[in-house]
């Protein structure tokens, strides 16, 4: 499918700390945008392409990518059933640039646990403690 016919998806800019999204998109194209939070995402069932002002990245299925806060980026999928696991966190940038990492089961399980159990609007202790643990573990996972 030519680039010009890939559906355009509007991106939200700000999220609550610890927001996790698990979505199936298929083919899509975003505008160049940036988030206030650090973004960690992992595609499945296809490849995700990320473009920044400095570089481009190919993120294979089950790998994950770290996007620092305030870094302009664009996402493109040419896959028919691409699913994305994404978490947005308020934390200091670990890197100045986008980084791609191999698949990590701990990260995948943590995101699934968070999606099922975190209550971001209730400020419960389970959410707060596991979100802080995630932020502490992220540099070690990467």
N, C-alpha and C. Protein backbone atom coordinates (compact mmCIF):
# COMPACT_ATOMS: atom_id res chain seq x y z
N UNK A 1 0.85 -1.17 0.00
CA UNK A 1 0.00 0.00 0.00
C UNK A 1 0.90 1.24 0.00
N UNK A 2 0.70 2.16 -0.95
CA UNK A 2 1.53 3.38 -0.97
C UNK A 2 1.36 4.19 0.30
N UNK A 3 2.43 4.91 0.69
CA UNK A 3 2.39 5.70 1.92
C UNK A 3 1.19 6.65 1.97
N UNK A 4 0.84 7.22 0.85
CA UNK A 4 -0.23 8.22 0.82
C UNK A 4 -1.60 7.63 1.15
N UNK A 5 -1.77 6.31 1.06
CA UNK A 5 -3.07 5.72 1.33
C UNK A 5 -3.14 5.04 2.69
N UNK A 6 -2.08 5.08 3.48
CA UNK A 6 -2.11 4.52 4.83
C UNK A 6 -2.93 5.46 5.70
N UNK A 7 -3.92 4.93 6.43
CA UNK A 7 -4.79 5.79 7.25
C UNK A 7 -4.00 6.61 8.28
N UNK A 8 -4.40 7.84 8.45
CA UNK A 8 -3.79 8.76 9.41
C UNK A 8 -4.47 8.60 10.76
N UNK A 9 -3.66 8.52 11.84
CA UNK A 9 -4.18 8.40 13.21
C UNK A 9 -3.71 9.62 13.99
N UNK A 10 -4.66 10.30 14.62
CA UNK A 10 -4.34 11.44 15.48
C UNK A 10 -3.79 10.95 16.80
N UNK A 11 -2.74 11.58 17.32
CA UNK A 11 -2.13 11.16 18.59
C UNK A 11 -2.46 12.15 19.69
N UNK A 12 -2.79 11.63 20.87
CA UNK A 12 -2.94 12.48 22.05
C UNK A 12 -1.54 12.84 22.52
N UNK A 13 -1.40 14.00 23.13
CA UNK A 13 -0.08 14.47 23.54
C UNK A 13 0.23 14.17 25.02
N UNK A 14 -0.78 14.22 25.88
CA UNK A 14 -0.56 14.04 27.31
C UNK A 14 -1.39 12.89 27.85
N UNK A 15 -0.78 12.15 28.76
CA UNK A 15 -1.44 11.01 29.39
C UNK A 15 -1.18 11.05 30.88
N UNK A 16 -2.02 10.40 31.62
CA UNK A 16 -1.82 10.23 33.05
C UNK A 16 -0.61 9.32 33.27
N UNK A 17 0.19 9.58 34.29
CA UNK A 17 1.35 8.75 34.61
C UNK A 17 0.92 7.31 34.76
N UNK A 18 1.55 6.40 34.02
CA UNK A 18 1.25 4.98 34.10
C UNK A 18 0.17 4.50 33.13
N UNK A 19 -0.30 5.39 32.26
CA UNK A 19 -1.32 4.97 31.29
C UNK A 19 -0.76 3.88 30.39
N UNK A 20 -1.52 2.80 30.26
CA UNK A 20 -1.14 1.68 29.39
C UNK A 20 -2.21 1.54 28.33
N UNK A 21 -1.78 1.45 27.09
CA UNK A 21 -2.70 1.21 25.98
C UNK A 21 -2.31 -0.08 25.28
N UNK A 22 -3.27 -0.96 25.06
CA UNK A 22 -3.07 -2.16 24.27
C UNK A 22 -4.08 -2.08 23.14
N UNK A 23 -3.61 -1.80 21.93
CA UNK A 23 -4.52 -1.59 20.80
C UNK A 23 -4.03 -2.30 19.55
N UNK A 24 -4.99 -2.71 18.72
CA UNK A 24 -4.68 -3.24 17.41
C UNK A 24 -5.02 -2.15 16.39
N UNK A 25 -4.05 -1.80 15.58
CA UNK A 25 -4.22 -0.71 14.63
C UNK A 25 -4.28 -1.17 13.18
N UNK A 26 -3.53 -2.17 12.81
CA UNK A 26 -3.37 -2.44 11.39
C UNK A 26 -2.46 -1.38 10.80
N UNK A 27 -2.72 -0.98 9.59
CA UNK A 27 -1.88 0.05 8.94
C UNK A 27 -2.28 1.42 9.45
N UNK A 28 -1.27 2.24 9.76
CA UNK A 28 -1.54 3.61 10.18
C UNK A 28 -0.30 4.48 10.01
N UNK A 29 -0.52 5.76 10.14
CA UNK A 29 0.50 6.78 9.95
C UNK A 29 0.16 7.90 10.93
N UNK A 30 1.13 8.40 11.70
CA UNK A 30 0.86 9.52 12.59
C UNK A 30 1.60 10.76 12.11
N UNK A 31 1.19 11.88 12.63
CA UNK A 31 1.92 13.12 12.40
C UNK A 31 3.18 13.11 13.27
N UNK A 32 4.12 13.99 12.99
CA UNK A 32 5.26 14.18 13.87
C UNK A 32 4.70 14.81 15.14
N UNK A 33 4.98 14.20 16.29
CA UNK A 33 4.43 14.68 17.56
C UNK A 33 5.39 14.32 18.69
N UNK A 34 5.15 14.86 19.87
CA UNK A 34 5.95 14.55 21.05
C UNK A 34 5.00 14.43 22.24
N UNK A 35 5.44 13.72 23.27
CA UNK A 35 4.65 13.55 24.48
C UNK A 35 5.39 14.18 25.66
N UNK A 36 4.64 14.55 26.67
CA UNK A 36 5.21 15.08 27.90
C UNK A 36 5.88 13.98 28.71
N UNK A 37 5.48 12.73 28.49
CA UNK A 37 5.99 11.60 29.25
C UNK A 37 6.94 10.75 28.41
N UNK A 38 7.73 9.94 29.11
CA UNK A 38 8.51 8.89 28.47
C UNK A 38 7.50 7.88 27.93
N UNK A 39 7.77 7.35 26.74
CA UNK A 39 6.88 6.37 26.12
C UNK A 39 7.69 5.10 25.85
N UNK A 40 7.16 3.95 26.29
CA UNK A 40 7.76 2.66 25.98
C UNK A 40 6.69 1.86 25.25
N UNK A 41 7.02 1.35 24.08
CA UNK A 41 6.04 0.58 23.34
C UNK A 41 6.65 -0.63 22.69
N UNK A 42 5.75 -1.60 22.41
CA UNK A 42 6.18 -2.86 21.81
C UNK A 42 5.13 -3.31 20.80
N UNK A 43 5.52 -3.51 19.54
CA UNK A 43 4.57 -4.01 18.54
C UNK A 43 4.53 -5.54 18.54
N UNK A 44 3.38 -6.07 18.17
CA UNK A 44 3.27 -7.51 17.88
C UNK A 44 2.50 -7.66 16.58
N UNK A 45 2.69 -8.78 15.92
CA UNK A 45 2.03 -9.09 14.65
C UNK A 45 2.45 -8.15 13.52
N UNK A 46 3.66 -7.65 13.59
CA UNK A 46 4.13 -6.79 12.52
C UNK A 46 5.31 -5.94 12.96
N UNK A 47 5.71 -5.05 12.10
CA UNK A 47 6.85 -4.17 12.33
C UNK A 47 6.37 -2.74 12.44
N UNK A 48 6.95 -2.00 13.38
CA UNK A 48 6.65 -0.59 13.57
C UNK A 48 7.85 0.21 13.08
N UNK A 49 7.59 1.26 12.33
CA UNK A 49 8.64 2.17 11.87
C UNK A 49 8.49 3.48 12.63
N UNK A 50 9.61 3.97 13.16
CA UNK A 50 9.61 5.23 13.92
C UNK A 50 10.60 6.17 13.27
N UNK A 51 10.16 7.40 13.08
CA UNK A 51 10.99 8.44 12.48
C UNK A 51 11.11 9.59 13.46
N UNK A 52 12.35 10.06 13.66
CA UNK A 52 12.59 11.25 14.47
C UNK A 52 13.27 12.28 13.57
N UNK A 53 13.59 13.42 14.13
CA UNK A 53 14.28 14.44 13.35
C UNK A 53 15.72 14.02 13.03
N UNK A 54 16.26 13.06 13.80
CA UNK A 54 17.65 12.64 13.63
C UNK A 54 17.84 11.29 12.95
N UNK A 55 16.84 10.39 13.09
CA UNK A 55 17.05 9.00 12.64
C UNK A 55 15.73 8.31 12.35
N UNK A 56 15.84 7.09 11.82
CA UNK A 56 14.66 6.24 11.63
C UNK A 56 14.97 4.88 12.24
N UNK A 57 13.91 4.18 12.68
CA UNK A 57 14.05 2.93 13.40
C UNK A 57 13.03 1.93 12.89
N UNK A 58 13.46 0.69 12.83
CA UNK A 58 12.58 -0.43 12.49
C UNK A 58 12.47 -1.27 13.76
N UNK A 59 11.25 -1.40 14.28
CA UNK A 59 11.03 -2.14 15.53
C UNK A 59 10.29 -3.43 15.20
N UNK A 60 10.98 -4.57 15.21
CA UNK A 60 10.33 -5.84 14.89
C UNK A 60 9.33 -6.26 15.96
N UNK A 61 8.48 -7.18 15.61
CA UNK A 61 7.49 -7.71 16.52
C UNK A 61 8.15 -8.21 17.81
N UNK A 62 7.55 -7.89 18.93
CA UNK A 62 7.94 -8.24 20.31
C UNK A 62 9.17 -7.48 20.83
N UNK A 63 9.88 -6.74 19.99
CA UNK A 63 10.93 -5.86 20.50
C UNK A 63 10.23 -4.69 21.17
N UNK A 64 10.98 -3.86 21.88
CA UNK A 64 10.35 -2.67 22.42
C UNK A 64 11.24 -1.46 22.17
N UNK A 65 10.62 -0.30 22.24
CA UNK A 65 11.31 0.95 21.94
C UNK A 65 11.06 1.94 23.06
N UNK A 66 12.11 2.65 23.43
CA UNK A 66 12.06 3.69 24.45
C UNK A 66 12.09 5.03 23.72
N UNK A 67 11.07 5.87 23.95
CA UNK A 67 11.03 7.21 23.34
C UNK A 67 11.06 8.22 24.48
N UNK A 68 12.14 9.01 24.58
CA UNK A 68 12.22 9.99 25.67
C UNK A 68 11.10 11.04 25.57
N UNK A 69 10.79 11.63 26.70
CA UNK A 69 9.81 12.72 26.73
C UNK A 69 10.31 13.87 25.85
N UNK A 70 9.40 14.53 25.19
CA UNK A 70 9.65 15.73 24.38
C UNK A 70 10.42 15.48 23.09
N UNK A 71 10.63 14.23 22.71
CA UNK A 71 11.32 13.92 21.45
C UNK A 71 10.28 13.77 20.34
N UNK A 72 10.30 14.65 19.34
CA UNK A 72 9.35 14.53 18.23
C UNK A 72 9.58 13.22 17.47
N UNK A 73 8.48 12.53 17.18
CA UNK A 73 8.57 11.26 16.47
C UNK A 73 7.29 11.02 15.68
N UNK A 74 7.40 10.12 14.72
CA UNK A 74 6.29 9.74 13.84
C UNK A 74 6.28 8.22 13.80
N UNK A 75 5.09 7.61 13.85
CA UNK A 75 4.96 6.16 13.80
C UNK A 75 4.26 5.76 12.51
N UNK A 76 4.73 4.67 11.91
CA UNK A 76 4.10 4.13 10.70
C UNK A 76 4.04 2.61 10.81
N UNK A 77 2.89 2.06 10.47
CA UNK A 77 2.71 0.62 10.37
C UNK A 77 2.17 0.29 8.99
N UNK A 78 2.77 -0.71 8.37
CA UNK A 78 2.25 -1.22 7.10
C UNK A 78 1.69 -2.62 7.28
N UNK A 79 1.60 -3.05 8.54
CA UNK A 79 1.10 -4.38 8.87
C UNK A 79 -0.42 -4.37 8.96
N UNK A 80 -1.05 -5.47 8.59
CA UNK A 80 -2.51 -5.55 8.59
C UNK A 80 -3.10 -5.63 9.99
N UNK A 81 -2.41 -6.26 10.93
CA UNK A 81 -2.95 -6.47 12.27
C UNK A 81 -1.94 -6.08 13.35
N UNK A 82 -1.26 -4.97 13.20
CA UNK A 82 -0.25 -4.57 14.18
C UNK A 82 -0.93 -4.21 15.50
N UNK A 83 -0.44 -4.80 16.57
CA UNK A 83 -0.90 -4.45 17.91
C UNK A 83 0.24 -3.73 18.62
N UNK A 84 -0.11 -2.73 19.41
CA UNK A 84 0.89 -1.98 20.17
C UNK A 84 0.57 -2.02 21.65
N UNK A 85 1.57 -2.37 22.46
CA UNK A 85 1.51 -2.21 23.90
C UNK A 85 2.30 -0.95 24.20
N UNK A 86 1.69 0.00 24.87
CA UNK A 86 2.35 1.28 25.14
C UNK A 86 2.12 1.68 26.58
N UNK A 87 3.15 2.21 27.22
CA UNK A 87 3.01 2.81 28.55
C UNK A 87 3.64 4.20 28.50
N UNK A 88 2.98 5.14 29.16
CA UNK A 88 3.46 6.51 29.30
C UNK A 88 3.77 6.73 30.77
N UNK A 89 5.00 7.18 31.08
CA UNK A 89 5.39 7.38 32.47
C UNK A 89 6.06 8.73 32.66
N UNK A 90 5.76 9.34 33.81
CA UNK A 90 6.42 10.57 34.22
C UNK A 90 7.71 10.18 34.91
N UNK A 91 8.82 10.36 34.23
CA UNK A 91 10.13 10.06 34.81
C UNK A 91 11.19 10.81 34.02
N UNK A 92 12.37 10.94 34.59
CA UNK A 92 13.46 11.58 33.86
C UNK A 92 13.87 10.70 32.70
N UNK A 93 14.26 11.34 31.60
CA UNK A 93 14.72 10.58 30.44
C UNK A 93 15.98 9.80 30.78
N UNK A 94 16.01 8.54 30.40
CA UNK A 94 17.20 7.70 30.58
C UNK A 94 18.21 7.97 29.47
N UNK A 95 17.69 8.35 28.29
CA UNK A 95 18.51 8.62 27.11
C UNK A 95 17.97 9.88 26.44
N UNK A 96 18.78 10.49 25.60
CA UNK A 96 18.33 11.65 24.84
C UNK A 96 17.67 11.26 23.53
N UNK A 97 17.91 10.02 23.09
CA UNK A 97 17.42 9.57 21.80
C UNK A 97 16.59 8.30 21.94
N UNK A 98 15.84 8.01 20.90
CA UNK A 98 15.06 6.77 20.83
C UNK A 98 16.01 5.58 20.83
N UNK A 99 15.64 4.54 21.56
CA UNK A 99 16.44 3.30 21.63
C UNK A 99 15.52 2.10 21.42
N UNK A 100 15.99 1.12 20.65
CA UNK A 100 15.25 -0.11 20.40
C UNK A 100 15.95 -1.24 21.14
N UNK A 101 15.15 -2.09 21.81
CA UNK A 101 15.68 -3.18 22.61
C UNK A 101 15.03 -4.50 22.22
N UNK A 102 15.74 -5.61 22.46
CA UNK A 102 15.14 -6.92 22.17
C UNK A 102 13.94 -7.19 23.07
N UNK A 103 13.17 -8.18 22.69
CA UNK A 103 11.99 -8.59 23.44
C UNK A 103 12.36 -8.84 24.90
N UNK A 104 11.42 -8.52 25.81
CA UNK A 104 11.67 -8.72 27.23
C UNK A 104 10.39 -9.22 27.88
N UNK A 105 10.39 -10.46 28.35
CA UNK A 105 9.20 -11.06 28.94
C UNK A 105 8.75 -10.33 30.20
N UNK A 106 9.69 -9.87 31.02
CA UNK A 106 9.33 -9.15 32.24
C UNK A 106 8.55 -7.88 31.89
N UNK A 107 9.03 -7.14 30.91
CA UNK A 107 8.33 -5.93 30.48
C UNK A 107 6.94 -6.26 29.95
N UNK A 108 6.83 -7.29 29.11
CA UNK A 108 5.53 -7.69 28.58
C UNK A 108 4.56 -8.07 29.68
N UNK A 109 5.01 -8.85 30.66
CA UNK A 109 4.14 -9.26 31.75
C UNK A 109 3.77 -8.08 32.64
N UNK A 110 4.71 -7.18 32.84
CA UNK A 110 4.44 -6.00 33.67
C UNK A 110 3.36 -5.13 33.03
N UNK A 111 3.44 -4.95 31.72
CA UNK A 111 2.43 -4.14 31.04
C UNK A 111 1.05 -4.80 31.09
N UNK A 112 1.00 -6.12 30.94
CA UNK A 112 -0.27 -6.82 31.05
C UNK A 112 -0.84 -6.73 32.47
N UNK A 113 0.03 -6.87 33.46
CA UNK A 113 -0.40 -6.74 34.86
C UNK A 113 -0.93 -5.33 35.11
N UNK A 114 -0.20 -4.33 34.67
CA UNK A 114 -0.64 -2.95 34.86
C UNK A 114 -1.96 -2.67 34.19
N UNK A 115 -2.12 -3.17 32.98
CA UNK A 115 -3.37 -2.94 32.25
C UNK A 115 -4.56 -3.57 32.98
N UNK A 116 -4.34 -4.69 33.60
CA UNK A 116 -5.43 -5.39 34.30
C UNK A 116 -5.70 -4.85 35.70
N UNK A 117 -4.66 -4.36 36.39
CA UNK A 117 -4.82 -4.08 37.82
C UNK A 117 -4.63 -2.62 38.25
N UNK A 118 -3.99 -1.80 37.42
CA UNK A 118 -3.75 -0.43 37.86
C UNK A 118 -5.03 0.38 37.80
N UNK A 119 -5.26 1.17 38.83
CA UNK A 119 -6.40 2.08 38.91
C UNK A 119 -5.83 3.49 39.00
N UNK A 120 -5.49 4.07 37.86
CA UNK A 120 -4.76 5.34 37.82
C UNK A 120 -5.53 6.49 38.46
N UNK A 121 -6.83 6.46 38.38
CA UNK A 121 -7.61 7.57 38.92
C UNK A 121 -7.91 7.40 40.41
N UNK A 122 -7.72 6.22 40.95
CA UNK A 122 -8.04 5.97 42.36
C UNK A 122 -6.84 6.16 43.29
N UNK A 123 -5.63 6.24 42.76
CA UNK A 123 -4.41 6.39 43.55
C UNK A 123 -4.29 5.30 44.62
N UNK A 124 -4.61 4.07 44.25
CA UNK A 124 -4.50 2.99 45.23
C UNK A 124 -3.05 2.59 45.42
N UNK A 125 -2.75 1.91 46.51
CA UNK A 125 -1.37 1.58 46.86
C UNK A 125 -0.76 0.56 45.90
N UNK A 126 -1.55 -0.39 45.38
CA UNK A 126 -1.03 -1.36 44.42
C UNK A 126 -0.53 -0.64 43.17
N UNK A 127 -1.32 0.27 42.66
CA UNK A 127 -0.93 1.02 41.46
C UNK A 127 0.33 1.84 41.73
N UNK A 128 0.33 2.58 42.80
CA UNK A 128 1.47 3.45 43.12
C UNK A 128 2.76 2.65 43.30
N UNK A 129 2.69 1.55 44.04
CA UNK A 129 3.91 0.79 44.32
C UNK A 129 4.43 0.07 43.07
N UNK A 130 3.54 -0.52 42.28
CA UNK A 130 4.02 -1.22 41.09
C UNK A 130 4.48 -0.25 40.00
N UNK A 131 3.86 0.92 39.91
CA UNK A 131 4.31 1.91 38.94
C UNK A 131 5.70 2.43 39.32
N UNK A 132 5.93 2.65 40.59
CA UNK A 132 7.27 3.08 41.03
C UNK A 132 8.29 1.96 40.80
N UNK A 133 7.89 0.72 41.03
CA UNK A 133 8.79 -0.42 40.76
C UNK A 133 9.12 -0.48 39.27
N UNK A 134 8.13 -0.27 38.42
CA UNK A 134 8.37 -0.26 36.97
C UNK A 134 9.40 0.80 36.60
N UNK A 135 9.23 2.02 37.13
CA UNK A 135 10.16 3.11 36.82
C UNK A 135 11.56 2.79 37.32
N UNK A 136 11.66 2.13 38.46
CA UNK A 136 12.97 1.76 39.00
C UNK A 136 13.62 0.65 38.19
N UNK A 137 12.79 -0.29 37.67
CA UNK A 137 13.32 -1.42 36.92
C UNK A 137 13.65 -1.09 35.46
N UNK A 138 13.01 -0.06 34.90
CA UNK A 138 13.18 0.22 33.49
C UNK A 138 14.64 0.38 33.07
N UNK A 139 15.47 1.14 33.82
CA UNK A 139 16.88 1.21 33.39
C UNK A 139 17.58 -0.15 33.39
N UNK A 140 17.23 -1.03 34.31
CA UNK A 140 17.84 -2.37 34.34
C UNK A 140 17.33 -3.22 33.20
N UNK A 141 16.03 -3.08 32.86
CA UNK A 141 15.44 -3.85 31.77
C UNK A 141 16.07 -3.43 30.44
N UNK A 142 16.34 -2.14 30.32
CA UNK A 142 16.93 -1.62 29.08
C UNK A 142 18.41 -1.86 29.04
